[in-house]
Amino acid sequence: MLQAESLACERGGRLLFKSLEFALAPGTLLRVAGPNGAGKTSLLRILCGLARPAAGRVLWSGENAHALGEEYARRLLYLGHLSAIKEDLSARENLRFFARLLGLPRQAASDALARGLDLAGLTERADDIVATFSGGMQRRLNLACALLHAPRVLLLDEPTVGVDPQSRERVFSAVRAQAAAGTAVLYSTHYMEEAERLCDRVVLIDRGRVVAAGTPAELVRQGARSLRLAVVTRRALTAGWLDGIAAAQLLRADETVGTLARRGDVAAVAIDDLATATRVLERAASLGGDVMEFHLYQPSLQDVFIELTGRDLRD
């Protein structure tokens, strides 16, 4: 349905990305990830026609999407960082306004308005002024307005920023329902757990190129090691405490997950298998006094992201 073909983007004389290619098929949830400044928002703006690429093109069913004009624009929806709803109107008035803007016939608009209020969880607050709503309520209403005309392609840029857990779940549910109905969804977010929960595929861009692409499970399996072990010992473990255990590699202590009690000193170790975990724990117990706590876990998409893009700040 939608295809990026050798896309390149420049901003302020700096190349954000080049030769970017991927396809977005009906019913697919695709996530584009990357550090700050990688060009994620610029990519979405190019896909929806708000910006032009420095090179390459966007294809819709094999045709140049930008050349299709309004025919293409009516088939997709771009939901950016900023809210489009009007705070001095009610939820119902906002939905009615956007239904008219989208050219929906009267009955179709009425049906879409009822669905929108239900999707946003605002049926009982339909006639309240938006300025009285919480941030999460406003984000839900913004998404409901965006889905009124059932777009065939949905481009979402950080749709859950600053919302409460319940609102996030409502957004997830709405996005999954759109994909199940055949909508192609491109989802940009910094929250890695959202990508793991929602997306069929992930494209990771950094320093102007695609550094990884695949399903979340595939990307995690491509990590250097499959398991990590965080160990809390009574005494600090000295340098070289892992010598002789070939299938174990010392990591930085902050490369752990989970809630550690931190009643002692923490060591993080990458390991190849569970048998190695036993050897590491025995060594830690003998050299660190006691093992007071340990966590064994598989790397997440967050770990893969940091491994591929590094820990340096991006601005």
Protein backbone atom coordinates (compact mmCIF):
# COMPACT_ATOMS: atom_id res chain seq x y z
CA MET A 1 0.00 0.00 0.00
CA LEU A 2 2.61 2.59 1.09
CA GLN A 3 6.27 2.33 0.22
CA ALA A 4 9.35 4.45 0.94
CA GLU A 5 11.80 4.22 -1.95
CA SER A 6 15.39 5.45 -1.40
CA LEU A 7 14.21 8.37 0.75
CA ALA A 8 16.70 11.01 1.86
CA CYS A 9 16.09 14.01 4.09
CA GLU A 10 18.19 17.09 4.86
CA ARG A 11 17.57 19.74 7.49
CA GLY A 12 19.69 22.82 8.01
CA GLY A 13 22.34 21.44 5.68
CA ARG A 14 22.59 18.23 7.73
CA LEU A 15 21.67 14.84 6.30
CA LEU A 16 19.15 13.15 8.60
CA PHE A 17 18.83 9.93 6.62
CA LYS A 18 19.47 8.54 3.16
CA SER A 19 18.44 5.52 1.08
CA LEU A 20 15.65 4.72 3.55
CA GLU A 21 13.37 1.97 2.28
CA PHE A 22 10.45 0.03 3.76
CA ALA A 23 6.93 -1.05 2.88
CA LEU A 24 3.77 -0.54 4.94
CA ALA A 25 1.10 -3.10 4.10
CA PRO A 26 -2.60 -3.14 5.11
CA GLY A 27 -3.16 -4.39 8.65
CA THR A 28 0.51 -3.91 9.59
CA LEU A 29 1.87 -2.07 12.62
CA LEU A 30 5.35 -0.75 11.79
CA ARG A 31 7.46 1.18 14.24
CA VAL A 32 10.22 3.58 13.20
CA ALA A 33 12.71 4.10 16.03
CA GLY A 34 15.86 6.14 16.47
CA PRO A 35 17.62 8.59 18.80
CA ASN A 36 16.65 12.25 18.96
CA GLY A 37 17.50 13.94 15.66
CA ALA A 38 17.40 10.72 13.63
CA GLY A 39 14.62 12.13 11.46
CA LYS A 40 11.55 10.21 12.64
CA THR A 41 9.18 13.19 12.59
CA SER A 42 10.68 14.41 9.30
CA LEU A 43 10.02 10.98 7.81
CA LEU A 44 6.35 11.06 8.85
CA ARG A 45 5.97 14.56 7.41
CA ILE A 46 7.43 13.34 4.11
CA LEU A 47 5.14 10.32 4.04
CA CYS A 48 2.03 12.45 4.46
CA GLY A 49 3.11 15.14 2.01
CA LEU A 50 3.85 17.98 4.45
CA ALA A 51 7.52 17.92 3.41
CA ARG A 52 9.45 16.86 0.33
CA PRO A 53 12.37 14.41 0.40
CA ALA A 54 15.83 15.48 -0.72
CA ALA A 55 15.86 12.30 -2.80
CA GLY A 56 13.67 9.26 -3.39
CA ARG A 57 9.89 9.08 -3.42
CA VAL A 58 6.82 7.80 -1.60
CA LEU A 59 4.73 5.26 -3.50
CA TRP A 60 1.04 4.48 -3.06
CA SER A 61 0.13 1.19 -4.76
CA GLY A 62 3.08 1.74 -7.09
CA GLU A 63 2.26 5.36 -7.96
CA ASN A 64 4.01 8.52 -6.83
CA ALA A 65 1.95 9.45 -3.74
CA HIS A 66 2.75 13.17 -3.82
CA ALA A 67 1.54 13.40 -7.42
CA LEU A 68 -1.87 12.03 -6.39
CA GLY A 69 -2.63 15.16 -4.35
CA GLU A 70 -5.97 15.19 -2.50
CA GLU A 71 -6.77 11.62 -3.56
CA TYR A 72 -3.77 10.45 -1.52
CA ALA A 73 -4.25 12.92 1.33
CA ARG A 74 -7.78 11.68 2.07
CA ARG A 75 -6.57 8.10 2.52
CA LEU A 76 -4.20 8.76 5.39
CA LEU A 77 -3.99 10.54 8.71
CA TYR A 78 -0.92 12.07 10.33
CA LEU A 79 -1.19 12.64 14.08
CA GLY A 80 1.75 14.75 15.23
CA HIS A 81 3.05 15.96 18.58
CA LEU A 82 0.65 18.86 18.87
CA SER A 83 -3.04 18.49 19.61
CA ALA A 84 -5.45 19.72 16.94
CA ILE A 85 -8.56 19.88 19.14
CA LYS A 86 -10.11 23.18 20.19
CA GLU A 87 -10.08 23.74 23.95
CA ASP A 88 -12.97 26.22 23.90
CA LEU A 89 -15.32 23.65 22.32
CA SER A 90 -16.90 20.56 23.84
CA ALA A 91 -15.85 17.02 22.91
CA ARG A 92 -18.97 16.64 20.75
CA GLU A 93 -18.37 19.99 19.00
CA ASN A 94 -14.76 19.04 18.26
CA LEU A 95 -15.81 15.76 16.68
CA ARG A 96 -18.57 17.46 14.69
CA PHE A 97 -16.12 20.12 13.47
CA PHE A 98 -13.61 17.56 12.20
CA ALA A 99 -16.34 15.42 10.65
CA ARG A 100 -17.43 18.45 8.58
CA LEU A 101 -13.81 19.28 7.76
CA LEU A 102 -13.37 15.75 6.44
CA GLY A 103 -16.54 16.04 4.35
CA LEU A 104 -18.45 13.19 5.99
CA PRO A 105 -22.16 12.96 5.02
CA ARG A 106 -24.62 13.80 7.81
CA GLN A 107 -25.52 10.22 8.82
CA ALA A 108 -21.93 8.99 8.49
CA ALA A 109 -20.79 11.94 10.61
CA SER A 110 -23.39 11.16 13.29
CA ASP A 111 -22.33 7.51 13.45
CA ALA A 112 -18.62 8.43 13.48
CA LEU A 113 -19.23 10.96 16.27
CA ALA A 114 -20.84 8.32 18.49
CA ARG A 115 -17.97 5.91 17.80
CA GLY A 116 -15.44 8.66 18.52
CA LEU A 117 -16.93 9.49 21.90
CA ASP A 118 -16.95 5.81 22.81
CA LEU A 119 -13.37 5.30 21.63
CA ALA A 120 -12.20 8.27 23.69
CA GLY A 121 -14.21 7.13 26.73
CA LEU A 122 -15.97 10.52 26.77
CA THR A 123 -19.61 9.64 26.10
CA GLU A 124 -20.65 10.95 29.53
CA ARG A 125 -18.49 14.08 29.12
CA ALA A 126 -19.51 14.76 25.52
CA ASP A 127 -20.82 18.28 26.18
CA ASP A 128 -18.09 19.40 28.60
CA ILE A 129 -15.58 22.01 27.43
CA VAL A 130 -12.24 20.45 26.47
CA ALA A 131 -10.30 22.95 28.59
CA THR A 132 -11.66 21.12 31.66
CA PHE A 133 -10.25 17.75 30.49
CA SER A 134 -7.06 16.14 31.73
CA GLY A 135 -4.11 15.66 29.38
CA GLY A 136 -4.99 12.01 28.86
CA MET A 137 -8.60 12.83 27.99
CA GLN A 138 -7.46 15.40 25.45
CA ARG A 139 -5.04 12.97 23.81
CA ARG A 140 -7.80 10.36 23.52
CA LEU A 141 -10.16 12.92 21.98
CA ASN A 142 -7.43 14.03 19.56
CA LEU A 143 -7.01 10.44 18.37
CA ALA A 144 -10.79 9.97 18.08
CA CYS A 145 -11.02 13.05 15.83
CA ALA A 146 -8.22 11.64 13.69
CA LEU A 147 -10.02 8.34 13.13
CA LEU A 148 -13.41 9.75 12.13
CA HIS A 149 -12.98 9.02 8.42
CA ALA A 150 -11.42 5.56 8.93
CA PRO A 151 -8.09 6.36 7.21
CA ARG A 152 -6.37 3.56 5.32
CA VAL A 153 -2.95 4.69 6.59
CA LEU A 154 -2.35 6.02 10.09
CA LEU A 155 0.91 7.86 10.89
CA LEU A 156 1.32 8.31 14.65
CA ASP A 157 4.09 10.44 16.17
CA GLU A 158 4.45 9.88 19.93
CA PRO A 159 0.68 9.45 20.54
CA THR A 160 0.98 8.58 24.26
CA VAL A 161 3.36 11.28 25.50
CA GLY A 162 2.29 12.55 28.91
CA VAL A 163 -0.78 10.34 29.37
CA ASP A 164 -1.77 8.16 32.31
CA PRO A 165 -1.60 4.32 32.10
CA GLN A 166 -5.36 3.97 31.55
CA SER A 167 -5.29 6.41 28.63
CA ARG A 168 -2.29 4.61 27.14
CA GLU A 169 -4.21 1.34 27.23
CA ARG A 170 -7.18 3.00 25.51
CA VAL A 171 -4.85 4.34 22.78
CA PHE A 172 -3.25 0.89 22.37
CA SER A 173 -6.68 -0.69 22.03
CA ALA A 174 -7.75 1.83 19.39
CA VAL A 175 -4.54 1.40 17.38
CA ARG A 176 -4.78 -2.41 17.48
CA ALA A 177 -8.42 -2.22 16.35
CA GLN A 178 -7.44 -0.03 13.40
CA ALA A 179 -4.77 -2.50 12.32
CA ALA A 180 -7.15 -5.44 12.75
CA ALA A 181 -9.60 -3.65 10.44
CA GLY A 182 -6.92 -3.42 7.73
CA THR A 183 -5.43 0.01 8.40
CA ALA A 184 -1.68 0.31 7.83
CA VAL A 185 -0.13 1.94 10.92
CA LEU A 186 3.29 3.55 11.25
CA TYR A 187 4.02 4.22 14.91
CA SER A 188 6.85 6.41 16.17
CA THR A 189 7.56 6.32 19.90
CA HIS A 190 10.46 6.44 22.35
CA TYR A 191 8.73 3.90 24.60
CA MET A 192 10.31 0.56 23.68
CA GLU A 193 7.73 -1.49 25.55
CA GLU A 194 5.05 0.00 23.29
CA ALA A 195 6.89 -1.28 20.24
CA GLU A 196 7.24 -4.75 21.74
CA ARG A 197 3.56 -4.88 22.65
CA LEU A 198 2.06 -3.33 19.53
CA CYS A 199 4.24 -3.56 16.46
CA ASP A 200 4.71 -6.32 13.91
CA ARG A 201 8.00 -4.87 12.66
CA VAL A 202 10.55 -2.28 13.77
CA VAL A 203 12.88 -0.17 11.60
CA LEU A 204 15.74 1.39 13.57
CA ILE A 205 17.49 4.37 11.97
CA ASP A 206 20.63 6.06 13.26
CA ARG A 207 23.19 8.42 11.74
CA GLY A 208 21.37 8.56 8.44
CA ARG A 209 20.85 4.86 7.75
CA VAL A 210 18.86 1.79 8.73
CA VAL A 211 20.87 -0.11 11.35
CA ALA A 212 18.33 -2.87 12.02
CA ALA A 213 14.93 -4.04 10.82
CA GLY A 214 12.70 -6.98 11.74
CA THR A 215 10.16 -8.15 14.27
CA PRO A 216 10.80 -7.15 17.90
CA ALA A 217 11.67 -10.79 18.69
CA GLU A 218 14.12 -10.97 15.77
CA LEU A 219 15.90 -7.80 16.87
CA VAL A 220 16.22 -9.04 20.44
CA ARG A 221 17.65 -12.36 19.23
CA GLN A 222 20.26 -10.47 17.22
CA GLY A 223 21.70 -9.10 20.48
CA ALA A 224 25.22 -10.18 21.36
CA ARG A 225 24.11 -12.45 24.21
CA SER A 226 20.74 -13.90 25.11
CA LEU A 227 20.74 -13.60 28.92
CA ARG A 228 21.84 -11.09 31.53
CA LEU A 229 22.40 -11.55 35.23
CA ALA A 230 22.39 -8.83 37.89
CA VAL A 231 24.02 -9.90 41.18
CA VAL A 232 23.96 -8.07 44.52
CA THR A 233 26.78 -9.14 46.86
CA ARG A 234 27.63 -8.11 50.42
CA ARG A 235 31.11 -6.98 49.40
CA ALA A 236 32.24 -5.39 46.14
CA LEU A 237 33.64 -7.88 43.64
CA THR A 238 37.20 -7.03 42.60
CA ALA A 239 38.54 -6.78 39.05
CA GLY A 240 38.99 -10.13 37.35
CA TRP A 241 36.43 -11.97 39.45
CA LEU A 242 34.98 -13.54 36.29
CA ASP A 243 38.35 -14.86 35.04
CA GLY A 244 38.05 -18.40 33.73
CA ILE A 245 34.33 -18.24 32.92
CA ALA A 246 34.52 -17.85 29.14
CA ALA A 247 30.76 -17.63 28.54
CA ALA A 248 30.36 -14.61 30.84
CA GLN A 249 31.12 -10.94 30.19
CA LEU A 250 31.07 -8.14 32.73
CA LEU A 251 28.71 -5.25 31.92
CA ARG A 252 28.19 -1.84 33.42
CA ALA A 253 26.09 -2.07 36.58
CA ASP A 254 23.43 0.23 35.10
CA GLU A 255 22.84 -2.23 32.24
CA THR A 256 20.30 -4.11 34.35
CA VAL A 257 16.53 -4.18 34.62
CA GLY A 258 14.16 -4.86 37.45
CA THR A 259 14.02 -3.37 40.92
CA LEU A 260 17.15 -4.29 42.85
CA ALA A 261 17.16 -3.87 46.60
CA ARG A 262 20.77 -2.62 46.37
CA ARG A 263 21.56 -3.69 49.92
CA GLY A 264 25.11 -4.32 48.69
CA ASP A 265 27.22 -3.98 45.54
CA VAL A 266 25.72 -4.71 42.12
CA ALA A 267 27.45 -6.48 39.25
CA ALA A 268 25.91 -7.02 35.82
CA VAL A 269 26.98 -9.95 33.65
CA ALA A 270 26.06 -11.07 30.12
CA ILE A 271 25.90 -14.87 29.88
CA ASP A 272 25.34 -17.47 27.18
CA ASP A 273 23.18 -20.00 29.05
CA LEU A 274 21.67 -20.98 32.40
CA ALA A 275 24.58 -23.28 33.28
CA THR A 276 26.85 -20.24 33.14
CA ALA A 277 24.50 -18.39 35.51
CA THR A 278 25.13 -21.08 38.15
CA ARG A 279 28.90 -20.73 37.80
CA VAL A 280 28.71 -16.93 38.02
CA LEU A 281 26.57 -17.04 41.17
CA GLU A 282 28.90 -19.55 42.83
CA ARG A 283 31.91 -17.36 42.03
CA ALA A 284 30.12 -14.22 43.26
CA ALA A 285 29.16 -15.92 46.52
CA SER A 286 32.71 -17.11 47.20
CA LEU A 287 34.35 -13.74 46.44
CA GLY A 288 31.63 -11.30 47.50
CA GLY A 289 30.66 -12.70 50.87
CA ASP A 290 27.02 -13.53 50.17
CA VAL A 291 24.73 -13.24 47.14
CA MET A 292 21.97 -11.18 48.67
CA GLU A 293 19.85 -10.85 45.52
CA PHE A 294 20.02 -11.70 41.83
CA HIS A 295 17.89 -11.11 38.74
CA LEU A 296 18.10 -13.18 35.56
CA TYR A 297 16.43 -11.75 32.49
CA GLN A 298 16.37 -11.70 28.71
CA PRO A 299 17.41 -8.52 26.89
CA SER A 300 14.58 -6.27 25.70
CA LEU A 301 14.21 -4.06 22.67
CA GLN A 302 15.51 -1.26 24.89
CA ASP A 303 18.78 -3.18 25.34
CA VAL A 304 19.08 -3.71 21.58
CA PHE A 305 18.41 -0.01 20.94
CA ILE A 306 21.19 1.07 23.32
CA GLU A 307 23.55 -1.59 21.97
CA LEU A 308 23.11 -0.38 18.39
CA THR A 309 22.96 3.39 18.96
CA GLY A 310 25.14 3.85 22.06
CA ARG A 311 24.62 5.79 25.29
CA ASP A 312 25.72 9.24 24.15
CA LEU A 313 23.05 11.94 24.32
CA ARG A 314 21.57 13.09 20.98
CA ASP A 315 20.30 16.63 20.43
